[in-house]
Protein backbone atom coordinates (compact mmCIF):
# COMPACT_ATOMS: atom_id res chain seq x y z
CA MET A 1 -30.78 -11.86 -4.87
CA ASP A 2 -31.29 -14.54 -7.49
CA GLU A 3 -29.58 -17.93 -6.46
CA THR A 4 -27.86 -18.36 -9.92
CA LEU A 5 -26.51 -15.08 -9.86
CA LYS A 6 -25.33 -15.63 -6.13
CA ARG A 7 -23.30 -18.68 -7.06
CA TYR A 8 -21.95 -16.85 -10.17
CA ARG A 9 -20.45 -13.90 -7.87
CA GLU A 10 -19.11 -16.09 -5.03
CA SER A 11 -17.19 -17.91 -7.91
CA ILE A 12 -15.71 -14.79 -9.12
CA ASP A 13 -15.24 -13.65 -5.67
CA ASN A 14 -12.89 -16.64 -5.14
CA ILE A 15 -11.46 -16.49 -8.28
CA ASP A 16 -10.27 -12.46 -7.47
CA ALA A 17 -8.82 -13.69 -4.09
CA ALA A 18 -6.83 -16.41 -5.88
CA LEU A 19 -5.50 -13.60 -8.65
CA VAL A 20 -4.68 -11.74 -5.62
CA PHE A 21 -2.68 -14.33 -3.71
CA MET A 22 -1.31 -15.51 -7.34
CA LEU A 23 -0.06 -11.79 -7.69
CA ALA A 24 1.29 -11.38 -4.20
CA GLU A 25 3.40 -14.88 -4.55
CA ARG A 26 4.81 -13.57 -8.07
CA PHE A 27 5.71 -10.16 -6.60
CA LYS A 28 7.45 -11.88 -3.73
CA VAL A 29 9.60 -13.86 -6.20
CA THR A 30 10.22 -10.96 -8.50
CA GLN A 31 11.26 -8.98 -5.50
CA ALA A 32 13.92 -11.60 -4.79
CA VAL A 33 15.10 -11.61 -8.16
CA GLY A 34 15.52 -7.83 -8.06
CA GLU A 35 17.49 -8.24 -5.09
CA TYR A 36 19.61 -10.52 -7.04
CA LYS A 37 20.28 -8.32 -10.00
CA ALA A 38 21.05 -5.13 -7.64
CA THR A 39 23.61 -7.10 -5.69
CA HIS A 40 25.12 -8.49 -9.05
CA ASP A 41 25.05 -5.37 -10.76
CA LEU A 42 22.58 -6.67 -13.43
CA PRO A 43 20.23 -4.34 -15.33
CA PRO A 44 16.57 -4.20 -13.70
CA ALA A 45 14.85 -5.02 -17.36
CA ASP A 46 15.62 -8.00 -19.72
CA PRO A 47 13.96 -7.01 -22.90
CA GLY A 48 14.72 -10.39 -24.62
CA ARG A 49 13.16 -12.40 -21.62
CA GLU A 50 9.88 -10.06 -21.53
CA GLU A 51 9.34 -10.48 -25.17
CA ARG A 52 9.46 -14.32 -24.88
CA GLN A 53 7.07 -14.38 -21.69
CA ILE A 54 4.58 -12.12 -23.57
CA GLN A 55 4.70 -14.28 -26.88
CA ARG A 56 4.54 -17.32 -24.40
CA LEU A 57 1.44 -15.87 -22.87
CA ARG A 58 0.00 -14.65 -25.94
CA GLN A 59 -0.01 -18.32 -27.04
CA LEU A 60 -1.33 -19.43 -23.56
CA ALA A 61 -4.27 -16.76 -23.99
CA LEU A 62 -4.75 -18.24 -27.29
CA ASP A 63 -5.17 -22.06 -26.33
CA ALA A 64 -7.38 -20.81 -23.31
CA ASN A 65 -9.95 -18.86 -25.76
CA LEU A 66 -8.71 -15.67 -24.12
CA ASP A 67 -8.00 -12.73 -26.08
CA PRO A 68 -4.16 -12.18 -26.17
CA ASP A 69 -4.31 -8.69 -26.69
CA PHE A 70 -5.58 -8.22 -23.33
CA THR A 71 -3.38 -10.88 -22.00
CA GLU A 72 -0.32 -8.91 -23.19
CA LYS A 73 -1.64 -5.39 -21.66
CA PHE A 74 -2.04 -7.52 -18.24
CA LEU A 75 1.26 -8.97 -18.54
CA ARG A 76 3.01 -5.65 -19.65
CA PHE A 77 1.64 -3.80 -16.66
CA ILE A 78 2.90 -6.57 -14.21
CA ILE A 79 6.28 -6.33 -15.94
CA ASP A 80 6.51 -2.38 -15.91
CA GLU A 81 5.65 -2.78 -11.95
CA VAL A 82 8.44 -5.08 -11.41
CA ILE A 83 11.22 -3.14 -13.59
CA ARG A 84 10.10 -0.22 -11.49
CA HIS A 85 10.78 -2.37 -8.16
CA HIS A 86 13.99 -3.26 -9.67
CA GLU A 87 15.22 0.02 -10.52
CA ARG A 88 14.29 1.26 -6.71
CA LEU A 89 16.50 -1.56 -5.49
CA ARG A 90 19.21 -0.56 -7.76
CA GLU A 91 19.27 3.20 -6.44
CA GLY A 92 18.62 2.14 -3.13
């Protein structure tokens, strides 16, 4: 394999690993938030906060020269998953 391509791929692998660990940490915290919401009879979703977060991350994406639409789709996917977890905690 070409040495340059190999280095690029190693970097991508490292970044992917970091993303997985960051997502795992994020979900640990959102799990705690869901448990808190469930025990305090708070709704699983907070549309106002979600919208503020999306706008904040869209701006960060622009600042980082990343497509803000992609960033929003990615964040919405994560938010939807977190809400599903929160709803299960509330039911269960």
